[in-house]
Amino acid sequence: GAEITDLEFVQFHPTVLWLGDLYGGQQPLVS
């Protein structure tokens, strides 16, 4: 019953290592 706020604001990091279209799950971050 708790209130949740601003859940639509999900940040997508702009520089994540591209491994190909078939890869999913946790991806390597390039800080």
ModelCIF file with pLDDT and N, C-alpha, C, O atoms, coordinates in Angstrom:
data_MODEL
#
_entry.id   MODEL 
#
_entity.id                         1 
_entity.type                       polymer 
_entity.pdbx_number_of_molecules   1 
#
_entity_poly.entity_id                      1 
_entity_poly.type                           'polypeptide(L)' 
_entity_poly.nstd_linkage                   no 
_entity_poly.nstd_monomer                   no 
_entity_poly.pdbx_seq_one_letter_code       GAEITDLEFVQFHPTVLWLGDLYGGQQPLVS 
_entity_poly.pdbx_seq_one_letter_code_can   GAEITDLEFVQFHPTVLWLGDLYGGQQPLVS 
_entity_poly.pdbx_strand_id                 A 
#
loop_
_entity_poly_seq.entity_id 
_entity_poly_seq.num 
_entity_poly_seq.mon_id 
_entity_poly_seq.hetero 
1 1  GLY n 
1 2  ALA n 
1 3  GLU n 
1 4  ILE n 
1 5  THR n 
1 6  ASP n 
1 7  LEU n 
1 8  GLU n 
1 9  PHE n 
1 10 VAL n 
1 11 GLN n 
1 12 PHE n 
1 13 HIS n 
1 14 PRO n 
1 15 THR n 
1 16 VAL n 
1 17 LEU n 
1 18 TRP n 
1 19 LEU n 
1 20 GLY n 
1 21 ASP n 
1 22 LEU n 
1 23 TYR n 
1 24 GLY n 
1 25 GLY n 
1 26 GLN n 
1 27 GLN n 
1 28 PRO n 
1 29 LEU n 
1 30 VAL n 
1 31 SER n 
#
_struct_asym.id          A 
_struct_asym.entity_id   1 
#
loop_
_ma_qa_metric.id 
_ma_qa_metric.mode 
_ma_qa_metric.name 
_ma_qa_metric.software_group_id 
_ma_qa_metric.type 
1 global pLDDT . pLDDT 
2 local  pLDDT . pLDDT 
#
_ma_qa_metric_global.metric_id      1 
_ma_qa_metric_global.metric_value   89.23 
_ma_qa_metric_global.model_id       1 
_ma_qa_metric_global.ordinal_id     1 
#
loop_
_ma_qa_metric_local.label_asym_id 
_ma_qa_metric_local.label_comp_id 
_ma_qa_metric_local.label_seq_id 
_ma_qa_metric_local.metric_id 
_ma_qa_metric_local.metric_value 
_ma_qa_metric_local.model_id 
_ma_qa_metric_local.ordinal_id 
A GLY 1  2 97.00 1 1  
A ALA 2  2 98.00 1 2  
A GLU 3  2 98.00 1 3  
A ILE 4  2 98.00 1 4  
A THR 5  2 98.00 1 5  
A ASP 6  2 97.00 1 6  
A LEU 7  2 98.00 1 7  
A GLU 8  2 98.00 1 8  
A PHE 9  2 97.00 1 9  
A VAL 10 2 96.00 1 10 
A GLN 11 2 93.00 1 11 
A PHE 12 2 92.00 1 12 
A HIS 13 2 90.00 1 13 
A PRO 14 2 92.00 1 14 
A THR 15 2 94.00 1 15 
A VAL 16 2 93.00 1 16 
A LEU 17 2 94.00 1 17 
A TRP 18 2 93.00 1 18 
A LEU 19 2 90.00 1 19 
A GLY 20 2 83.00 1 20 
A ASP 21 2 71.00 1 21 
A LEU 22 2 60.00 1 22 
A TYR 23 2 66.00 1 23 
A GLY 24 2 72.00 1 24 
A GLY 25 2 76.00 1 25 
A GLN 26 2 83.00 1 26 
A GLN 27 2 87.00 1 27 
A PRO 28 2 90.00 1 28 
A LEU 29 2 89.00 1 29 
A VAL 30 2 94.00 1 30 
A SER 31 2 89.00 1 31 
#
loop_
_atom_site.group_PDB 
_atom_site.id 
_atom_site.type_symbol 
_atom_site.label_atom_id 
_atom_site.label_alt_id 
_atom_site.label_comp_id 
_atom_site.label_asym_id 
_atom_site.label_entity_id 
_atom_site.label_seq_id 
_atom_site.pdbx_PDB_ins_code 
_atom_site.Cartn_x 
_atom_site.Cartn_y 
_atom_site.Cartn_z 
_atom_site.occupancy 
_atom_site.B_iso_or_equiv 
_atom_site.pdbx_formal_charge 
_atom_site.auth_seq_id 
_atom_site.auth_comp_id 
_atom_site.auth_asym_id 
_atom_site.auth_atom_id 
_atom_site.pdbx_PDB_model_num 
ATOM 1   N N  . GLY A 1 1  ? 0.784  -1.226  0.000   1.00 97.00 ? 1  GLY A N  1 
ATOM 2   C CA . GLY A 1 1  ? 0.000  0.000   0.000   1.00 97.00 ? 1  GLY A CA 1 
ATOM 3   C C  . GLY A 1 1  ? 0.814  1.273   0.000   1.00 97.00 ? 1  GLY A C  1 
ATOM 4   O O  . GLY A 1 1  ? 0.244  2.357   0.127   1.00 97.00 ? 1  GLY A O  1 
ATOM 5   N N  . ALA A 1 2  ? 2.129  1.184   -0.138  1.00 98.00 ? 2  ALA A N  1 
ATOM 6   C CA . ALA A 1 2  ? 2.973  2.378   -0.160  1.00 98.00 ? 2  ALA A CA 1 
ATOM 7   C C  . ALA A 1 2  ? 2.833  3.119   -1.476  1.00 98.00 ? 2  ALA A C  1 
ATOM 8   O O  . ALA A 1 2  ? 2.455  2.535   -2.492  1.00 98.00 ? 2  ALA A O  1 
ATOM 9   N N  . GLU A 1 3  ? 3.139  4.406   -1.451  1.00 98.00 ? 3  GLU A N  1 
ATOM 10  C CA . GLU A 1 3  ? 3.116  5.222   -2.658  1.00 98.00 ? 3  GLU A CA 1 
ATOM 11  C C  . GLU A 1 3  ? 4.446  5.103   -3.390  1.00 98.00 ? 3  GLU A C  1 
ATOM 12  O O  . GLU A 1 3  ? 5.514  5.093   -2.779  1.00 98.00 ? 3  GLU A O  1 
ATOM 13  N N  . ILE A 1 4  ? 4.353  5.013   -4.719  1.00 98.00 ? 4  ILE A N  1 
ATOM 14  C CA . ILE A 1 4  ? 5.514  4.962   -5.598  1.00 98.00 ? 4  ILE A CA 1 
ATOM 15  C C  . ILE A 1 4  ? 5.483  6.228   -6.451  1.00 98.00 ? 4  ILE A C  1 
ATOM 16  O O  . ILE A 1 4  ? 4.425  6.618   -6.945  1.00 98.00 ? 4  ILE A O  1 
ATOM 17  N N  . THR A 1 5  ? 6.627  6.865   -6.624  1.00 98.00 ? 5  THR A N  1 
ATOM 18  C CA . THR A 1 5  ? 6.660  8.153   -7.311  1.00 98.00 ? 5  THR A CA 1 
ATOM 19  C C  . THR A 1 5  ? 7.641  8.140   -8.482  1.00 98.00 ? 5  THR A C  1 
ATOM 20  O O  . THR A 1 5  ? 8.742  7.599   -8.385  1.00 98.00 ? 5  THR A O  1 
ATOM 21  N N  . ASP A 1 6  ? 7.219  8.745   -9.583  1.00 97.00 ? 6  ASP A N  1 
ATOM 22  C CA . ASP A 1 6  ? 8.095  9.045   -10.729 1.00 97.00 ? 6  ASP A CA 1 
ATOM 23  C C  . ASP A 1 6  ? 8.748  7.802   -11.335 1.00 97.00 ? 6  ASP A C  1 
ATOM 24  O O  . ASP A 1 6  ? 9.900  7.850   -11.766 1.00 97.00 ? 6  ASP A O  1 
ATOM 25  N N  . LEU A 1 7  ? 8.016  6.699   -11.366 1.00 98.00 ? 7  LEU A N  1 
ATOM 26  C CA . LEU A 1 7  ? 8.602  5.451   -11.850 1.00 98.00 ? 7  LEU A CA 1 
ATOM 27  C C  . LEU A 1 7  ? 8.856  5.470   -13.354 1.00 98.00 ? 7  LEU A C  1 
ATOM 28  O O  . LEU A 1 7  ? 9.606  4.640   -13.867 1.00 98.00 ? 7  LEU A O  1 
ATOM 29  N N  . GLU A 1 8  ? 8.237  6.410   -14.061 1.00 98.00 ? 8  GLU A N  1 
ATOM 30  C CA . GLU A 1 8  ? 8.434  6.481   -15.515 1.00 98.00 ? 8  GLU A CA 1 
ATOM 31  C C  . GLU A 1 8  ? 9.830  6.970   -15.887 1.00 98.00 ? 8  GLU A C  1 
ATOM 32  O O  . GLU A 1 8  ? 10.258 6.808   -17.030 1.00 98.00 ? 8  GLU A O  1 
ATOM 33  N N  . PHE A 1 9  ? 10.545 7.569   -14.927 1.00 97.00 ? 9  PHE A N  1 
ATOM 34  C CA . PHE A 1 9  ? 11.858 8.132   -15.235 1.00 97.00 ? 9  PHE A CA 1 
ATOM 35  C C  . PHE A 1 9  ? 12.949 7.082   -15.002 1.00 97.00 ? 9  PHE A C  1 
ATOM 36  O O  . PHE A 1 9  ? 13.544 7.004   -13.926 1.00 97.00 ? 9  PHE A O  1 
ATOM 37  N N  . VAL A 1 10 ? 13.190 6.292   -16.025 1.00 96.00 ? 10 VAL A N  1 
ATOM 38  C CA . VAL A 1 10 ? 14.231 5.275   -15.993 1.00 96.00 ? 10 VAL A CA 1 
ATOM 39  C C  . VAL A 1 10 ? 15.396 5.770   -16.852 1.00 96.00 ? 10 VAL A C  1 
ATOM 40  O O  . VAL A 1 10 ? 15.235 6.054   -18.039 1.00 96.00 ? 10 VAL A O  1 
ATOM 41  N N  . GLN A 1 11 ? 16.542 5.863   -16.240 1.00 93.00 ? 11 GLN A N  1 
ATOM 42  C CA . GLN A 1 11 ? 17.710 6.386   -16.951 1.00 93.00 ? 11 GLN A CA 1 
ATOM 43  C C  . GLN A 1 11 ? 18.375 5.285   -17.759 1.00 93.00 ? 11 GLN A C  1 
ATOM 44  O O  . GLN A 1 11 ? 18.686 4.211   -17.244 1.00 93.00 ? 11 GLN A O  1 
ATOM 45  N N  . PHE A 1 12 ? 18.584 5.575   -19.028 1.00 92.00 ? 12 PHE A N  1 
ATOM 46  C CA . PHE A 1 12 ? 19.322 4.674   -19.905 1.00 92.00 ? 12 PHE A CA 1 
ATOM 47  C C  . PHE A 1 12 ? 20.727 5.243   -20.071 1.00 92.00 ? 12 PHE A C  1 
ATOM 48  O O  . PHE A 1 12 ? 20.901 6.351   -20.578 1.00 92.00 ? 12 PHE A O  1 
ATOM 49  N N  . HIS A 1 13 ? 21.725 4.480   -19.641 1.00 90.00 ? 13 HIS A N  1 
ATOM 50  C CA . HIS A 1 13 ? 23.098 4.954   -19.751 1.00 90.00 ? 13 HIS A CA 1 
ATOM 51  C C  . HIS A 1 13 ? 23.480 4.976   -21.224 1.00 90.00 ? 13 HIS A C  1 
ATOM 52  O O  . HIS A 1 13 ? 23.237 3.997   -21.930 1.00 90.00 ? 13 HIS A O  1 
ATOM 53  N N  . PRO A 1 14 ? 24.072 6.068   -21.709 1.00 92.00 ? 14 PRO A N  1 
ATOM 54  C CA . PRO A 1 14 ? 24.309 6.189   -23.149 1.00 92.00 ? 14 PRO A CA 1 
ATOM 55  C C  . PRO A 1 14 ? 25.467 5.343   -23.670 1.00 92.00 ? 14 PRO A C  1 
ATOM 56  O O  . PRO A 1 14 ? 25.552 5.104   -24.875 1.00 92.00 ? 14 PRO A O  1 
ATOM 57  N N  . THR A 1 15 ? 26.356 4.888   -22.800 1.00 94.00 ? 15 THR A N  1 
ATOM 58  C CA . THR A 1 15 ? 27.531 4.169   -23.301 1.00 94.00 ? 15 THR A CA 1 
ATOM 59  C C  . THR A 1 15 ? 27.667 2.818   -22.614 1.00 94.00 ? 15 THR A C  1 
ATOM 60  O O  . THR A 1 15 ? 28.403 2.666   -21.639 1.00 94.00 ? 15 THR A O  1 
ATOM 61  N N  . VAL A 1 16 ? 26.944 1.848   -23.144 1.00 93.00 ? 16 VAL A N  1 
ATOM 62  C CA . VAL A 1 16 ? 27.042 0.463   -22.696 1.00 93.00 ? 16 VAL A CA 1 
ATOM 63  C C  . VAL A 1 16 ? 27.645 -0.338  -23.851 1.00 93.00 ? 16 VAL A C  1 
ATOM 64  O O  . VAL A 1 16 ? 27.259 -0.157  -25.006 1.00 93.00 ? 16 VAL A O  1 
ATOM 65  N N  . LEU A 1 17 ? 28.569 -1.201  -23.540 1.00 94.00 ? 17 LEU A N  1 
ATOM 66  C CA . LEU A 1 17 ? 29.282 -1.948  -24.570 1.00 94.00 ? 17 LEU A CA 1 
ATOM 67  C C  . LEU A 1 17 ? 28.309 -2.759  -25.416 1.00 94.00 ? 17 LEU A C  1 
ATOM 68  O O  . LEU A 1 17 ? 27.547 -3.568  -24.887 1.00 94.00 ? 17 LEU A O  1 
ATOM 69  N N  . TRP A 1 18 ? 28.334 -2.543  -26.738 1.00 93.00 ? 18 TRP A N  1 
ATOM 70  C CA . TRP A 1 18 ? 27.451 -3.264  -27.653 1.00 93.00 ? 18 TRP A CA 1 
ATOM 71  C C  . TRP A 1 18 ? 28.068 -4.618  -27.977 1.00 93.00 ? 18 TRP A C  1 
ATOM 72  O O  . TRP A 1 18 ? 29.182 -4.701  -28.493 1.00 93.00 ? 18 TRP A O  1 
ATOM 73  N N  . LEU A 1 19 ? 27.327 -5.673  -27.665 1.00 90.00 ? 19 LEU A N  1 
ATOM 74  C CA . LEU A 1 19 ? 27.831 -7.037  -27.869 1.00 90.00 ? 19 LEU A CA 1 
ATOM 75  C C  . LEU A 1 19 ? 27.132 -7.761  -29.008 1.00 90.00 ? 19 LEU A C  1 
ATOM 76  O O  . LEU A 1 19 ? 27.438 -8.918  -29.297 1.00 90.00 ? 19 LEU A O  1 
ATOM 77  N N  . GLY A 1 20 ? 26.195 -7.081  -29.650 1.00 83.00 ? 20 GLY A N  1 
ATOM 78  C CA . GLY A 1 20 ? 25.433 -7.724  -30.710 1.00 83.00 ? 20 GLY A CA 1 
ATOM 79  C C  . GLY A 1 20 ? 23.963 -7.826  -30.331 1.00 83.00 ? 20 GLY A C  1 
ATOM 80  O O  . GLY A 1 20 ? 23.612 -7.790  -29.151 1.00 83.00 ? 20 GLY A O  1 
ATOM 81  N N  . ASP A 1 21 ? 23.121 -7.950  -31.322 1.00 71.00 ? 21 ASP A N  1 
ATOM 82  C CA . ASP A 1 21 ? 21.677 -7.944  -31.092 1.00 71.00 ? 21 ASP A CA 1 
ATOM 83  C C  . ASP A 1 21 ? 21.179 -9.155  -30.322 1.00 71.00 ? 21 ASP A C  1 
ATOM 84  O O  . ASP A 1 21 ? 20.081 -9.118  -29.766 1.00 71.00 ? 21 ASP A O  1 
ATOM 85  N N  . LEU A 1 22 ? 21.949 -10.211 -30.276 1.00 60.00 ? 22 LEU A N  1 
ATOM 86  C CA . LEU A 1 22 ? 21.478 -11.435 -29.623 1.00 60.00 ? 22 LEU A CA 1 
ATOM 87  C C  . LEU A 1 22 ? 21.770 -11.465 -28.130 1.00 60.00 ? 22 LEU A C  1 
ATOM 88  O O  . LEU A 1 22 ? 21.306 -12.364 -27.427 1.00 60.00 ? 22 LEU A O  1 
ATOM 89  N N  . TYR A 1 23 ? 22.525 -10.505 -27.642 1.00 66.00 ? 23 TYR A N  1 
ATOM 90  C CA . TYR A 1 23 ? 22.899 -10.510 -26.234 1.00 66.00 ? 23 TYR A CA 1 
ATOM 91  C C  . TYR A 1 23 ? 21.841 -9.783  -25.405 1.00 66.00 ? 23 TYR A C  1 
ATOM 92  O O  . TYR A 1 23 ? 21.316 -8.751  -25.823 1.00 66.00 ? 23 TYR A O  1 
ATOM 93  N N  . GLY A 1 24 ? 21.537 -10.324 -24.238 1.00 72.00 ? 24 GLY A N  1 
ATOM 94  C CA . GLY A 1 24 ? 20.598 -9.697  -23.318 1.00 72.00 ? 24 GLY A CA 1 
ATOM 95  C C  . GLY A 1 24 ? 21.103 -9.829  -21.900 1.00 72.00 ? 24 GLY A C  1 
ATOM 96  O O  . GLY A 1 24 ? 22.219 -10.291 -21.665 1.00 72.00 ? 24 GLY A O  1 
ATOM 97  N N  . GLY A 1 25 ? 20.251 -9.408  -20.933 1.00 76.00 ? 25 GLY A N  1 
ATOM 98  C CA . GLY A 1 25 ? 20.643 -9.471  -19.534 1.00 76.00 ? 25 GLY A CA 1 
ATOM 99  C C  . GLY A 1 25 ? 21.598 -8.356  -19.182 1.00 76.00 ? 25 GLY A C  1 
ATOM 100 O O  . GLY A 1 25 ? 21.549 -7.279  -19.777 1.00 76.00 ? 25 GLY A O  1 
ATOM 101 N N  . GLN A 1 26 ? 22.480 -8.605  -18.205 1.00 83.00 ? 26 GLN A N  1 
ATOM 102 C CA . GLN A 1 26 ? 23.407 -7.576  -17.769 1.00 83.00 ? 26 GLN A CA 1 
ATOM 103 C C  . GLN A 1 26 ? 24.480 -7.336  -18.815 1.00 83.00 ? 26 GLN A C  1 
ATOM 104 O O  . GLN A 1 26 ? 25.125 -8.271  -19.289 1.00 83.00 ? 26 GLN A O  1 
ATOM 105 N N  . GLN A 1 27 ? 24.665 -6.055  -19.173 1.00 87.00 ? 27 GLN A N  1 
ATOM 106 C CA . GLN A 1 27 ? 25.629 -5.666  -20.191 1.00 87.00 ? 27 GLN A CA 1 
ATOM 107 C C  . GLN A 1 27 ? 26.775 -4.865  -19.558 1.00 87.00 ? 27 GLN A C  1 
ATOM 108 O O  . GLN A 1 27 ? 26.558 -4.190  -18.552 1.00 87.00 ? 27 GLN A O  1 
ATOM 109 N N  . PRO A 1 28 ? 27.984 -4.924  -20.121 1.00 90.00 ? 28 PRO A N  1 
ATOM 110 C CA . PRO A 1 28 ? 29.117 -4.190  -19.541 1.00 90.00 ? 28 PRO A CA 1 
ATOM 111 C C  . PRO A 1 28 ? 28.969 -2.680  -19.723 1.00 90.00 ? 28 PRO A C  1 
ATOM 112 O O  . PRO A 1 28 ? 28.683 -2.198  -20.819 1.00 90.00 ? 28 PRO A O  1 
ATOM 113 N N  . LEU A 1 29 ? 29.164 -1.957  -18.646 1.00 89.00 ? 29 LEU A N  1 
ATOM 114 C CA . LEU A 1 29 ? 29.079 -0.501  -18.665 1.00 89.00 ? 29 LEU A CA 1 
ATOM 115 C C  . LEU A 1 29 ? 30.427 0.101   -19.049 1.00 89.00 ? 29 LEU A C  1 
ATOM 116 O O  . LEU A 1 29 ? 31.478 -0.384  -18.630 1.00 89.00 ? 29 LEU A O  1 
ATOM 117 N N  . VAL A 1 30 ? 30.383 1.156   -19.846 1.00 94.00 ? 30 VAL A N  1 
ATOM 118 C CA . VAL A 1 30 ? 31.571 1.965   -20.119 1.00 94.00 ? 30 VAL A CA 1 
ATOM 119 C C  . VAL A 1 30 ? 31.324 3.318   -19.460 1.00 94.00 ? 30 VAL A C  1 
ATOM 120 O O  . VAL A 1 30 ? 30.591 4.155   -19.986 1.00 94.00 ? 30 VAL A O  1 
ATOM 121 N N  . SER A 1 31 ? 31.934 3.514   -18.329 1.00 89.00 ? 31 SER A N  1 
ATOM 122 C CA . SER A 1 31 ? 31.615 4.641   -17.448 1.00 89.00 ? 31 SER A CA 1 
ATOM 123 C C  . SER A 1 31 ? 31.665 5.991   -18.156 1.00 89.00 ? 31 SER A C  1 
ATOM 124 O O  . SER A 1 31 ? 31.418 7.024   -17.533 1.00 89.00 ? 31 SER A O  1 
#
